[in-house]
Amino acid sequence: MKKILLIFLAALWLVPGVAMAHSTLEVAVPAKDATVQASPEKIELTFNTKIEKLSNFKLLNAAGEQIQTGETDVDGATMSGGVPEPLASGVYTVKWTIIGADGHSVEGEYAFTVDAPEPSVEPSPTVTPEASAEADGAEPSPTPSAEATADAGEPAEEENGAAGGETQGTNYAPAIVIGVIIVAAALVLFLRRRKP
């Protein structure tokens, strides 16, 4: 009976020691149940004891899909890994598996939320030829309308016609004047001859 009691007391003394030897998560970045306003650049987990290099973690989205993370780095009691792509708004779960200082494998998980503002997309302004010319420092050249083009053609035709008319008048006027002079001279000579 005495031997059983000693074994029982020894077990009670050893069990807390074994329990205390298991590694537990102490600090997480992002923190457990935290809401962050920007996508984290890395996940960092710090435990209460040194952990082995074989320790690792996974990052899952709300649908349970694994999100790609950088290579896991273990340094003493801290394990970390980069997040190469920005995380969209939503709930994410970090599932970790570590090999503690006592050689036992310990698993755990926690969640955090990303509540990043959506990027605002502004419509790009339409650049008109006038605006482009003004930006270059040159005055925009007005685009002639069809009516303006038609009206511009009419005076040219009228001017051509007028010029043609003047040319024709100039050609016939001397001949008419000379003809009148000849007829007048002939009439004068004819009248003179008839006189006795």
N, C-alpha and C. Protein backbone atom coordinates (compact mmCIF):
# COMPACT_ATOMS: atom_id res chain seq x y z
N MET A 1 0.83 -1.20 0.00
CA MET A 1 0.00 0.00 0.00
C MET A 1 0.87 1.25 0.00
N LYS A 2 1.93 1.18 0.79
CA LYS A 2 2.84 2.30 0.87
C LYS A 2 3.53 2.53 -0.48
N LYS A 3 3.89 1.44 -1.16
CA LYS A 3 4.56 1.53 -2.47
C LYS A 3 3.63 2.16 -3.50
N ILE A 4 2.36 1.79 -3.48
CA ILE A 4 1.37 2.35 -4.43
C ILE A 4 1.21 3.84 -4.19
N LEU A 5 1.20 4.25 -2.94
CA LEU A 5 1.05 5.66 -2.60
C LEU A 5 2.25 6.46 -3.10
N LEU A 6 3.46 5.89 -2.97
CA LEU A 6 4.65 6.58 -3.46
C LEU A 6 4.62 6.73 -4.98
N ILE A 7 4.20 5.69 -5.66
CA ILE A 7 4.09 5.74 -7.13
C ILE A 7 3.08 6.80 -7.56
N PHE A 8 1.97 6.86 -6.84
CA PHE A 8 0.92 7.83 -7.15
C PHE A 8 1.44 9.26 -6.95
N LEU A 9 2.16 9.49 -5.87
CA LEU A 9 2.72 10.82 -5.60
C LEU A 9 3.77 11.20 -6.65
N ALA A 10 4.57 10.21 -7.03
CA ALA A 10 5.59 10.46 -8.06
C ALA A 10 4.92 10.83 -9.38
N ALA A 11 3.82 10.15 -9.70
CA ALA A 11 3.10 10.44 -10.95
C ALA A 11 2.52 11.85 -10.91
N LEU A 12 1.97 12.23 -9.76
CA LEU A 12 1.43 13.58 -9.65
C LEU A 12 2.52 14.64 -9.82
N TRP A 13 3.72 14.30 -9.37
CA TRP A 13 4.83 15.26 -9.46
C TRP A 13 5.37 15.33 -10.90
N LEU A 14 5.33 14.19 -11.62
CA LEU A 14 5.87 14.15 -12.99
C LEU A 14 4.90 14.73 -14.02
N VAL A 15 3.61 14.52 -13.82
CA VAL A 15 2.62 14.96 -14.83
C VAL A 15 2.68 16.45 -15.07
N PRO A 16 2.70 17.32 -14.04
CA PRO A 16 2.81 18.75 -14.32
C PRO A 16 4.10 19.09 -15.06
N GLY A 17 5.20 18.38 -14.78
CA GLY A 17 6.45 18.63 -15.47
C GLY A 17 6.34 18.31 -16.94
N VAL A 18 5.69 17.18 -17.26
CA VAL A 18 5.49 16.81 -18.67
C VAL A 18 4.60 17.82 -19.36
N ALA A 19 3.53 18.23 -18.67
CA ALA A 19 2.59 19.19 -19.25
C ALA A 19 3.28 20.53 -19.48
N MET A 20 4.12 20.92 -18.52
CA MET A 20 4.82 22.21 -18.65
C MET A 20 5.85 22.15 -19.77
N ALA A 21 6.34 20.95 -20.11
CA ALA A 21 7.37 20.84 -21.14
C ALA A 21 6.82 21.04 -22.54
N HIS A 22 5.51 20.82 -22.76
CA HIS A 22 4.91 21.00 -24.08
C HIS A 22 4.92 22.46 -24.47
N SER A 23 5.29 22.73 -25.72
CA SER A 23 5.35 24.11 -26.22
C SER A 23 3.95 24.63 -26.51
N THR A 24 3.74 25.87 -26.15
CA THR A 24 2.45 26.52 -26.42
C THR A 24 2.71 27.87 -27.09
N LEU A 25 1.75 28.30 -27.88
CA LEU A 25 1.87 29.57 -28.59
C LEU A 25 1.68 30.72 -27.61
N GLU A 26 2.62 31.64 -27.59
CA GLU A 26 2.52 32.79 -26.69
C GLU A 26 2.15 34.08 -27.42
N VAL A 27 2.82 34.35 -28.56
CA VAL A 27 2.59 35.59 -29.30
C VAL A 27 2.43 35.26 -30.78
N ALA A 28 1.45 35.90 -31.42
CA ALA A 28 1.23 35.71 -32.86
C ALA A 28 1.09 37.06 -33.54
N VAL A 29 1.62 37.16 -34.74
CA VAL A 29 1.48 38.36 -35.56
C VAL A 29 1.02 37.93 -36.94
N PRO A 30 -0.20 38.34 -37.38
CA PRO A 30 -1.23 39.08 -36.65
C PRO A 30 -1.71 38.30 -35.42
N ALA A 31 -2.23 39.03 -34.45
CA ALA A 31 -2.64 38.41 -33.19
C ALA A 31 -3.91 37.58 -33.35
N LYS A 32 -4.12 36.69 -32.41
CA LYS A 32 -5.30 35.83 -32.42
C LYS A 32 -6.56 36.68 -32.33
N ASP A 33 -7.52 36.40 -33.22
CA ASP A 33 -8.82 37.09 -33.29
C ASP A 33 -8.69 38.60 -33.58
N ALA A 34 -7.54 39.02 -34.07
CA ALA A 34 -7.35 40.44 -34.38
C ALA A 34 -7.94 40.78 -35.75
N THR A 35 -8.28 42.05 -35.93
CA THR A 35 -8.71 42.57 -37.23
C THR A 35 -7.69 43.60 -37.67
N VAL A 36 -7.04 43.33 -38.79
CA VAL A 36 -6.00 44.23 -39.30
C VAL A 36 -6.52 45.00 -40.50
N GLN A 37 -6.07 46.25 -40.65
CA GLN A 37 -6.56 47.12 -41.72
C GLN A 37 -5.76 46.97 -43.02
N ALA A 38 -4.67 46.23 -42.96
CA ALA A 38 -3.85 46.01 -44.15
C ALA A 38 -3.37 44.57 -44.17
N SER A 39 -3.12 44.06 -45.35
CA SER A 39 -2.64 42.69 -45.48
C SER A 39 -1.27 42.55 -44.81
N PRO A 40 -1.09 41.53 -43.94
CA PRO A 40 0.21 41.36 -43.28
C PRO A 40 1.27 40.92 -44.28
N GLU A 41 2.50 41.37 -44.05
CA GLU A 41 3.60 40.97 -44.92
C GLU A 41 4.17 39.62 -44.52
N LYS A 42 3.93 39.20 -43.26
CA LYS A 42 4.41 37.89 -42.82
C LYS A 42 3.58 37.40 -41.64
N ILE A 43 3.66 36.09 -41.41
CA ILE A 43 3.05 35.45 -40.25
C ILE A 43 4.19 35.10 -39.30
N GLU A 44 4.05 35.48 -38.04
CA GLU A 44 5.11 35.20 -37.07
C GLU A 44 4.50 34.61 -35.80
N LEU A 45 5.01 33.45 -35.39
CA LEU A 45 4.51 32.75 -34.20
C LEU A 45 5.66 32.55 -33.22
N THR A 46 5.45 32.94 -31.97
CA THR A 46 6.47 32.77 -30.93
C THR A 46 5.90 31.87 -29.82
N PHE A 47 6.67 30.83 -29.48
CA PHE A 47 6.23 29.84 -28.49
C PHE A 47 6.98 30.03 -27.17
N ASN A 48 6.51 29.31 -26.16
CA ASN A 48 7.11 29.47 -24.83
C ASN A 48 8.41 28.68 -24.67
N THR A 49 8.71 27.81 -25.64
CA THR A 49 9.96 27.05 -25.60
C THR A 49 10.59 27.04 -26.98
N LYS A 50 11.81 26.65 -27.03
CA LYS A 50 12.49 26.51 -28.31
C LYS A 50 11.82 25.41 -29.12
N ILE A 51 11.71 25.63 -30.45
CA ILE A 51 11.07 24.65 -31.33
C ILE A 51 12.08 24.19 -32.37
N GLU A 52 11.79 23.04 -32.96
CA GLU A 52 12.71 22.43 -33.91
C GLU A 52 12.49 22.99 -35.32
N LYS A 53 13.48 22.80 -36.20
CA LYS A 53 13.46 23.31 -37.57
C LYS A 53 12.35 22.70 -38.42
N LEU A 54 11.89 21.49 -38.05
CA LEU A 54 10.85 20.83 -38.84
C LEU A 54 9.48 21.44 -38.60
N SER A 55 9.36 22.38 -37.70
CA SER A 55 8.07 23.03 -37.42
C SER A 55 7.63 23.84 -38.64
N ASN A 56 6.33 23.94 -38.85
CA ASN A 56 5.80 24.67 -40.00
C ASN A 56 4.37 25.14 -39.72
N PHE A 57 3.83 25.92 -40.65
CA PHE A 57 2.45 26.39 -40.53
C PHE A 57 1.83 26.52 -41.91
N LYS A 58 0.48 26.58 -41.94
CA LYS A 58 -0.27 26.80 -43.17
C LYS A 58 -1.22 27.97 -42.95
N LEU A 59 -1.44 28.73 -44.03
CA LEU A 59 -2.40 29.84 -43.99
C LEU A 59 -3.57 29.49 -44.89
N LEU A 60 -4.78 29.50 -44.32
CA LEU A 60 -5.99 29.11 -45.06
C LEU A 60 -6.97 30.28 -45.09
N ASN A 61 -7.69 30.40 -46.23
CA ASN A 61 -8.73 31.44 -46.30
C ASN A 61 -10.04 30.89 -45.74
N ALA A 62 -11.12 31.69 -45.83
CA ALA A 62 -12.40 31.30 -45.24
C ALA A 62 -12.97 30.04 -45.91
N ALA A 63 -12.59 29.78 -47.16
CA ALA A 63 -13.09 28.60 -47.88
C ALA A 63 -12.24 27.37 -47.59
N GLY A 64 -11.21 27.52 -46.77
CA GLY A 64 -10.34 26.39 -46.45
C GLY A 64 -9.24 26.15 -47.46
N GLU A 65 -9.08 27.07 -48.40
CA GLU A 65 -8.03 26.94 -49.42
C GLU A 65 -6.71 27.48 -48.86
N GLN A 66 -5.63 26.77 -49.17
CA GLN A 66 -4.33 27.18 -48.66
C GLN A 66 -3.79 28.35 -49.45
N ILE A 67 -3.31 29.35 -48.73
CA ILE A 67 -2.71 30.54 -49.34
C ILE A 67 -1.20 30.34 -49.35
N GLN A 68 -0.59 30.67 -50.48
CA GLN A 68 0.86 30.49 -50.61
C GLN A 68 1.60 31.44 -49.65
N THR A 69 2.57 30.89 -48.93
CA THR A 69 3.42 31.68 -48.05
C THR A 69 4.87 31.40 -48.39
N GLY A 70 5.74 32.25 -47.90
CA GLY A 70 7.16 32.07 -48.16
C GLY A 70 7.72 30.92 -47.34
N GLU A 71 8.99 30.66 -47.51
CA GLU A 71 9.65 29.57 -46.80
C GLU A 71 9.60 29.81 -45.29
N THR A 72 9.26 28.75 -44.56
CA THR A 72 9.17 28.87 -43.10
C THR A 72 10.56 28.95 -42.48
N ASP A 73 10.73 29.95 -41.62
CA ASP A 73 12.01 30.15 -40.96
C ASP A 73 11.81 29.95 -39.45
N VAL A 74 12.62 29.08 -38.84
CA VAL A 74 12.55 28.82 -37.40
C VAL A 74 13.83 29.34 -36.76
N ASP A 75 13.64 30.21 -35.77
CA ASP A 75 14.78 30.79 -35.06
C ASP A 75 14.48 30.74 -33.55
N GLY A 76 15.03 29.75 -32.88
CA GLY A 76 14.78 29.60 -31.44
C GLY A 76 13.34 29.21 -31.18
N ALA A 77 12.60 30.11 -30.52
CA ALA A 77 11.20 29.84 -30.21
C ALA A 77 10.25 30.50 -31.20
N THR A 78 10.79 31.11 -32.25
CA THR A 78 9.96 31.86 -33.21
C THR A 78 9.97 31.20 -34.57
N MET A 79 8.77 31.12 -35.15
CA MET A 79 8.60 30.57 -36.51
C MET A 79 7.90 31.64 -37.34
N SER A 80 8.38 31.88 -38.55
CA SER A 80 7.78 32.93 -39.38
C SER A 80 7.84 32.53 -40.85
N GLY A 81 7.01 33.19 -41.63
CA GLY A 81 6.97 32.98 -43.08
C GLY A 81 6.32 34.17 -43.74
N GLY A 82 6.85 34.59 -44.89
CA GLY A 82 6.32 35.75 -45.59
C GLY A 82 5.01 35.47 -46.30
N VAL A 83 4.26 36.55 -46.57
CA VAL A 83 3.01 36.47 -47.34
C VAL A 83 3.26 37.26 -48.62
N PRO A 84 3.65 36.58 -49.71
CA PRO A 84 4.06 37.31 -50.93
C PRO A 84 2.94 38.09 -51.61
N GLU A 85 1.72 37.55 -51.60
CA GLU A 85 0.61 38.22 -52.27
C GLU A 85 -0.30 38.89 -51.23
N PRO A 86 -0.78 40.13 -51.50
CA PRO A 86 -1.69 40.80 -50.56
C PRO A 86 -2.96 39.97 -50.34
N LEU A 87 -3.39 39.91 -49.09
CA LEU A 87 -4.60 39.16 -48.76
C LEU A 87 -5.82 40.05 -48.93
N ALA A 88 -6.86 39.48 -49.54
CA ALA A 88 -8.11 40.21 -49.68
C ALA A 88 -8.81 40.24 -48.32
N SER A 89 -9.78 41.11 -48.20
CA SER A 89 -10.53 41.19 -46.95
C SER A 89 -11.23 39.86 -46.68
N GLY A 90 -11.19 39.43 -45.42
CA GLY A 90 -11.82 38.16 -45.05
C GLY A 90 -11.16 37.57 -43.82
N VAL A 91 -11.64 36.39 -43.43
CA VAL A 91 -11.13 35.69 -42.25
C VAL A 91 -10.09 34.66 -42.70
N TYR A 92 -8.97 34.59 -42.00
CA TYR A 92 -7.89 33.66 -42.32
C TYR A 92 -7.53 32.85 -41.08
N THR A 93 -7.14 31.61 -41.33
CA THR A 93 -6.77 30.70 -40.24
C THR A 93 -5.31 30.27 -40.41
N VAL A 94 -4.57 30.33 -39.31
CA VAL A 94 -3.19 29.86 -39.29
C VAL A 94 -3.17 28.53 -38.55
N LYS A 95 -2.78 27.47 -39.25
CA LYS A 95 -2.66 26.14 -38.64
C LYS A 95 -1.18 25.81 -38.51
N TRP A 96 -0.72 25.57 -37.28
CA TRP A 96 0.70 25.31 -37.07
C TRP A 96 0.94 23.94 -36.47
N THR A 97 2.08 23.37 -36.84
CA THR A 97 2.55 22.10 -36.29
C THR A 97 4.01 22.30 -35.92
N ILE A 98 4.31 22.09 -34.63
CA ILE A 98 5.69 22.30 -34.18
C ILE A 98 6.22 21.04 -33.50
N ILE A 99 7.54 20.94 -33.48
CA ILE A 99 8.23 19.92 -32.69
C ILE A 99 8.84 20.67 -31.51
N GLY A 100 8.30 20.42 -30.33
CA GLY A 100 8.74 21.16 -29.15
C GLY A 100 10.09 20.69 -28.63
N ALA A 101 10.53 21.37 -27.56
CA ALA A 101 11.82 21.04 -26.95
C ALA A 101 11.84 19.64 -26.38
N ASP A 102 10.66 19.13 -26.02
CA ASP A 102 10.58 17.77 -25.47
C ASP A 102 10.49 16.71 -26.56
N GLY A 103 10.54 17.15 -27.85
CA GLY A 103 10.47 16.19 -28.95
C GLY A 103 9.06 15.81 -29.36
N HIS A 104 8.05 16.34 -28.66
CA HIS A 104 6.67 16.01 -29.00
C HIS A 104 6.15 16.96 -30.09
N SER A 105 5.29 16.43 -30.93
CA SER A 105 4.63 17.23 -31.97
C SER A 105 3.37 17.84 -31.38
N VAL A 106 3.24 19.15 -31.57
CA VAL A 106 2.08 19.87 -31.05
C VAL A 106 1.45 20.64 -32.20
N GLU A 107 0.12 20.58 -32.28
CA GLU A 107 -0.62 21.29 -33.33
C GLU A 107 -1.54 22.31 -32.70
N GLY A 108 -1.85 23.31 -33.46
CA GLY A 108 -2.80 24.33 -32.99
C GLY A 108 -3.19 25.23 -34.15
N GLU A 109 -4.12 26.11 -33.90
CA GLU A 109 -4.57 27.05 -34.92
C GLU A 109 -5.20 28.27 -34.27
N TYR A 110 -5.25 29.35 -35.04
CA TYR A 110 -5.97 30.55 -34.60
C TYR A 110 -6.38 31.32 -35.85
N ALA A 111 -7.26 32.28 -35.68
CA ALA A 111 -7.78 33.04 -36.83
C ALA A 111 -7.58 34.54 -36.63
N PHE A 112 -7.52 35.23 -37.74
CA PHE A 112 -7.49 36.70 -37.73
C PHE A 112 -8.26 37.18 -38.95
N THR A 113 -8.60 38.46 -38.96
CA THR A 113 -9.42 39.03 -40.04
C THR A 113 -8.68 40.17 -40.71
N VAL A 114 -8.75 40.19 -42.03
CA VAL A 114 -8.21 41.31 -42.81
C VAL A 114 -9.39 42.17 -43.26
N ASP A 115 -9.35 43.43 -42.91
CA ASP A 115 -10.41 44.37 -43.31
C ASP A 115 -9.76 45.55 -44.03
N ALA A 116 -9.20 45.25 -45.20
CA ALA A 116 -8.49 46.28 -45.97
C ALA A 116 -9.47 47.03 -46.86
N PRO A 117 -9.34 48.36 -46.95
CA PRO A 117 -10.23 49.13 -47.83
C PRO A 117 -10.02 48.75 -49.28
N GLU A 118 -11.10 48.70 -50.04
CA GLU A 118 -11.01 48.37 -51.46
C GLU A 118 -10.38 49.54 -52.20
N PRO A 119 -9.45 49.26 -53.12
CA PRO A 119 -8.83 50.36 -53.88
C PRO A 119 -9.85 51.02 -54.80
N SER A 120 -9.89 52.36 -54.77
CA SER A 120 -10.83 53.09 -55.61
C SER A 120 -10.25 53.24 -57.01
N VAL A 121 -11.08 52.91 -58.01
CA VAL A 121 -10.64 53.00 -59.41
C VAL A 121 -11.30 54.23 -60.02
N GLU A 122 -10.48 55.22 -60.38
CA GLU A 122 -11.00 56.43 -61.00
C GLU A 122 -10.95 56.30 -62.51
N PRO A 123 -12.04 56.71 -63.20
CA PRO A 123 -12.02 56.62 -64.67
C PRO A 123 -10.99 57.58 -65.24
N SER A 124 -10.27 57.10 -66.23
CA SER A 124 -9.26 57.95 -66.87
C SER A 124 -9.95 58.96 -67.78
N PRO A 125 -9.55 60.24 -67.71
CA PRO A 125 -10.20 61.26 -68.53
C PRO A 125 -9.93 61.04 -70.01
N THR A 126 -10.96 61.36 -70.83
CA THR A 126 -10.82 61.24 -72.28
C THR A 126 -10.05 62.44 -72.80
N VAL A 127 -8.99 62.19 -73.51
CA VAL A 127 -8.14 63.27 -74.03
C VAL A 127 -8.61 63.63 -75.44
N THR A 128 -9.08 64.87 -75.61
CA THR A 128 -9.50 65.35 -76.92
C THR A 128 -8.31 65.94 -77.65
N PRO A 129 -8.38 66.06 -78.97
CA PRO A 129 -7.26 66.68 -79.71
C PRO A 129 -6.97 68.09 -79.22
N GLU A 130 -8.04 68.86 -78.85
CA GLU A 130 -7.83 70.22 -78.35
C GLU A 130 -7.05 70.19 -77.06
N ALA A 131 -7.45 69.26 -76.13
CA ALA A 131 -6.75 69.18 -74.85
C ALA A 131 -5.31 68.74 -75.05
N SER A 132 -5.11 67.82 -75.99
CA SER A 132 -3.75 67.35 -76.26
C SER A 132 -2.89 68.48 -76.81
N ALA A 133 -3.48 69.31 -77.70
CA ALA A 133 -2.74 70.42 -78.28
C ALA A 133 -2.43 71.46 -77.21
N GLU A 134 -3.41 71.71 -76.31
CA GLU A 134 -3.18 72.68 -75.24
C GLU A 134 -2.08 72.18 -74.32
N ALA A 135 -2.07 70.87 -74.06
CA ALA A 135 -1.04 70.31 -73.18
C ALA A 135 0.34 70.46 -73.81
N ASP A 136 0.41 70.39 -75.14
CA ASP A 136 1.69 70.54 -75.84
C ASP A 136 2.08 71.99 -76.02
N GLY A 137 1.17 72.91 -75.68
CA GLY A 137 1.47 74.34 -75.80
C GLY A 137 1.10 74.92 -77.14
N ALA A 138 0.48 74.13 -78.03
CA ALA A 138 0.11 74.63 -79.34
C ALA A 138 -1.38 74.92 -79.36
N GLU A 139 -1.78 75.90 -80.18
CA GLU A 139 -3.19 76.21 -80.29
C GLU A 139 -3.87 75.15 -81.14
N PRO A 140 -5.04 74.69 -80.70
CA PRO A 140 -5.73 73.66 -81.49
C PRO A 140 -6.21 74.23 -82.81
N SER A 141 -6.03 73.48 -83.87
CA SER A 141 -6.50 73.92 -85.18
C SER A 141 -7.96 73.51 -85.33
N PRO A 142 -8.83 74.50 -85.67
CA PRO A 142 -10.26 74.16 -85.79
C PRO A 142 -10.51 73.23 -86.96
N THR A 143 -11.41 72.31 -86.74
CA THR A 143 -11.77 71.36 -87.79
C THR A 143 -12.88 71.96 -88.64
N PRO A 144 -12.67 72.18 -89.94
CA PRO A 144 -13.72 72.81 -90.76
C PRO A 144 -14.90 71.87 -90.95
N SER A 145 -16.10 72.47 -90.91
CA SER A 145 -17.30 71.67 -91.13
C SER A 145 -17.53 71.50 -92.62
N ALA A 146 -18.47 70.63 -92.97
CA ALA A 146 -18.77 70.38 -94.39
C ALA A 146 -19.33 71.63 -95.04
N GLU A 147 -20.20 72.40 -94.28
CA GLU A 147 -20.78 73.62 -94.83
C GLU A 147 -19.70 74.66 -95.08
N ALA A 148 -18.78 74.76 -94.10
CA ALA A 148 -17.70 75.74 -94.27
C ALA A 148 -16.85 75.39 -95.48
N THR A 149 -16.61 74.08 -95.65
CA THR A 149 -15.82 73.65 -96.79
C THR A 149 -16.53 73.97 -98.10
N ALA A 150 -17.88 73.74 -98.15
CA ALA A 150 -18.66 74.03 -99.36
C ALA A 150 -18.68 75.52 -99.64
N ASP A 151 -18.89 76.34 -98.55
CA ASP A 151 -18.93 77.79 -98.73
C ASP A 151 -17.58 78.31 -99.18
N ALA A 152 -16.53 77.67 -98.68
CA ALA A 152 -15.20 78.12 -99.06
C ALA A 152 -14.94 77.89 -100.54
N GLY A 153 -15.59 76.86 -101.11
CA GLY A 153 -15.37 76.56 -102.52
C GLY A 153 -16.12 77.48 -103.44
N GLU A 154 -17.30 78.05 -103.01
CA GLU A 154 -18.14 78.87 -103.87
C GLU A 154 -17.48 80.19 -104.25
N PRO A 155 -16.90 80.94 -103.31
CA PRO A 155 -16.28 82.21 -103.73
C PRO A 155 -15.16 82.00 -104.72
N ALA A 156 -14.45 80.91 -104.57
CA ALA A 156 -13.36 80.65 -105.50
C ALA A 156 -13.90 80.50 -106.91
N GLU A 157 -15.05 79.79 -107.02
CA GLU A 157 -15.64 79.60 -108.35
C GLU A 157 -16.12 80.92 -108.92
N GLU A 158 -16.76 81.77 -108.01
CA GLU A 158 -17.26 83.05 -108.49
C GLU A 158 -16.11 83.94 -108.93
N GLU A 159 -15.03 83.90 -108.14
CA GLU A 159 -13.89 84.72 -108.52
C GLU A 159 -13.31 84.27 -109.85
N ASN A 160 -13.26 82.93 -110.05
CA ASN A 160 -12.76 82.41 -111.33
C ASN A 160 -13.65 82.86 -112.48
N GLY A 161 -14.99 82.82 -112.25
CA GLY A 161 -15.93 83.24 -113.29
C GLY A 161 -15.77 84.70 -113.63
N ALA A 162 -15.63 85.52 -112.55
CA ALA A 162 -15.48 86.96 -112.77
C ALA A 162 -14.20 87.25 -113.53
N ALA A 163 -13.15 86.54 -113.13
CA ALA A 163 -11.88 86.74 -113.82
C ALA A 163 -12.00 86.36 -115.28
N GLY A 164 -12.72 85.28 -115.54
CA GLY A 164 -12.90 84.85 -116.93
C GLY A 164 -13.69 85.87 -117.71
N GLY A 165 -14.74 86.46 -117.08
CA GLY A 165 -15.56 87.47 -117.77
C GLY A 165 -14.75 88.69 -118.10
N GLU A 166 -13.91 89.14 -117.15
CA GLU A 166 -13.09 90.31 -117.40
C GLU A 166 -12.12 90.05 -118.54
N THR A 167 -11.61 88.84 -118.61
CA THR A 167 -10.67 88.50 -119.68
C THR A 167 -11.35 88.56 -121.04
N GLN A 168 -12.61 88.03 -121.08
CA GLN A 168 -13.33 88.06 -122.35
C GLN A 168 -13.67 89.49 -122.75
N GLY A 169 -14.09 90.35 -121.79
CA GLY A 169 -14.42 91.75 -122.11
C GLY A 169 -13.19 92.49 -122.60
N THR A 170 -12.09 92.22 -122.01
CA THR A 170 -10.85 92.88 -122.41
C THR A 170 -10.47 92.49 -123.85
N ASN A 171 -10.76 91.25 -124.26
CA ASN A 171 -10.42 90.78 -125.60
C ASN A 171 -11.28 91.44 -126.68
N TYR A 172 -12.61 91.66 -126.43
CA TYR A 172 -13.53 92.18 -127.44
C TYR A 172 -13.64 93.70 -127.44
N ALA A 173 -13.33 94.34 -126.39
CA ALA A 173 -13.52 95.81 -126.32
C ALA A 173 -12.67 96.56 -127.35
N PRO A 174 -11.38 96.27 -127.49
CA PRO A 174 -10.61 97.02 -128.50
C PRO A 174 -11.13 96.80 -129.93
N ALA A 175 -11.56 95.58 -130.21
CA ALA A 175 -12.06 95.30 -131.56
C ALA A 175 -13.32 96.10 -131.85
N ILE A 176 -14.19 96.20 -130.84
CA ILE A 176 -15.43 96.96 -131.04
C ILE A 176 -15.13 98.44 -131.27
N VAL A 177 -14.21 98.96 -130.45
CA VAL A 177 -13.85 100.39 -130.59
C VAL A 177 -13.24 100.65 -131.95
N ILE A 178 -12.31 99.79 -132.38
CA ILE A 178 -11.68 99.96 -133.69
C ILE A 178 -12.73 99.87 -134.81
N GLY A 179 -13.64 98.92 -134.66
CA GLY A 179 -14.69 98.76 -135.68
C GLY A 179 -15.56 100.00 -135.80
N VAL A 180 -15.92 100.57 -134.64
CA VAL A 180 -16.75 101.80 -134.66
C VAL A 180 -16.00 102.94 -135.34
N ILE A 181 -14.68 103.05 -135.02
CA ILE A 181 -13.88 104.13 -135.63
C ILE A 181 -13.82 103.96 -137.15
N ILE A 182 -13.60 102.71 -137.60
CA ILE A 182 -13.52 102.45 -139.05
C ILE A 182 -14.83 102.79 -139.74
N VAL A 183 -15.95 102.35 -139.10
CA VAL A 183 -17.26 102.63 -139.71
C VAL A 183 -17.51 104.13 -139.76
N ALA A 184 -17.13 104.84 -138.70
CA ALA A 184 -17.34 106.31 -138.68
C ALA A 184 -16.48 106.99 -139.76
N ALA A 185 -15.24 106.52 -139.88
CA ALA A 185 -14.35 107.14 -140.88
C ALA A 185 -14.87 106.87 -142.30
N ALA A 186 -15.34 105.65 -142.50
CA ALA A 186 -15.86 105.31 -143.82
C ALA A 186 -17.11 106.14 -144.13
N LEU A 187 -17.93 106.37 -143.11
CA LEU A 187 -19.15 107.16 -143.30
C LEU A 187 -18.79 108.62 -143.62
N VAL A 188 -17.78 109.14 -142.96
CA VAL A 188 -17.36 110.52 -143.21
C VAL A 188 -16.81 110.65 -144.63
N LEU A 189 -16.01 109.71 -145.06
CA LEU A 189 -15.43 109.76 -146.41
C LEU A 189 -16.57 109.64 -147.46
N PHE A 190 -17.52 108.78 -147.18
CA PHE A 190 -18.62 108.58 -148.13
C PHE A 190 -19.43 109.87 -148.27
N LEU A 191 -19.67 110.53 -147.16
CA LEU A 191 -20.44 111.79 -147.20
C LEU A 191 -19.69 112.89 -147.93
N ARG A 192 -18.40 112.95 -147.73
CA ARG A 192 -17.58 113.96 -148.38
C ARG A 192 -17.58 113.76 -149.88
N ARG A 193 -17.53 112.55 -150.33
CA ARG A 193 -17.49 112.27 -151.76
C ARG A 193 -18.82 112.66 -152.42
N ARG A 194 -19.88 112.53 -151.76
CA ARG A 194 -21.19 112.83 -152.34
C ARG A 194 -21.40 114.31 -152.50
N LYS A 195 -20.67 115.12 -151.70
CA LYS A 195 -20.89 116.56 -151.80
C LYS A 195 -20.26 117.07 -153.13
N PRO A 196 -20.97 117.99 -153.84
CA PRO A 196 -20.45 118.54 -155.12
C PRO A 196 -19.29 119.49 -154.85
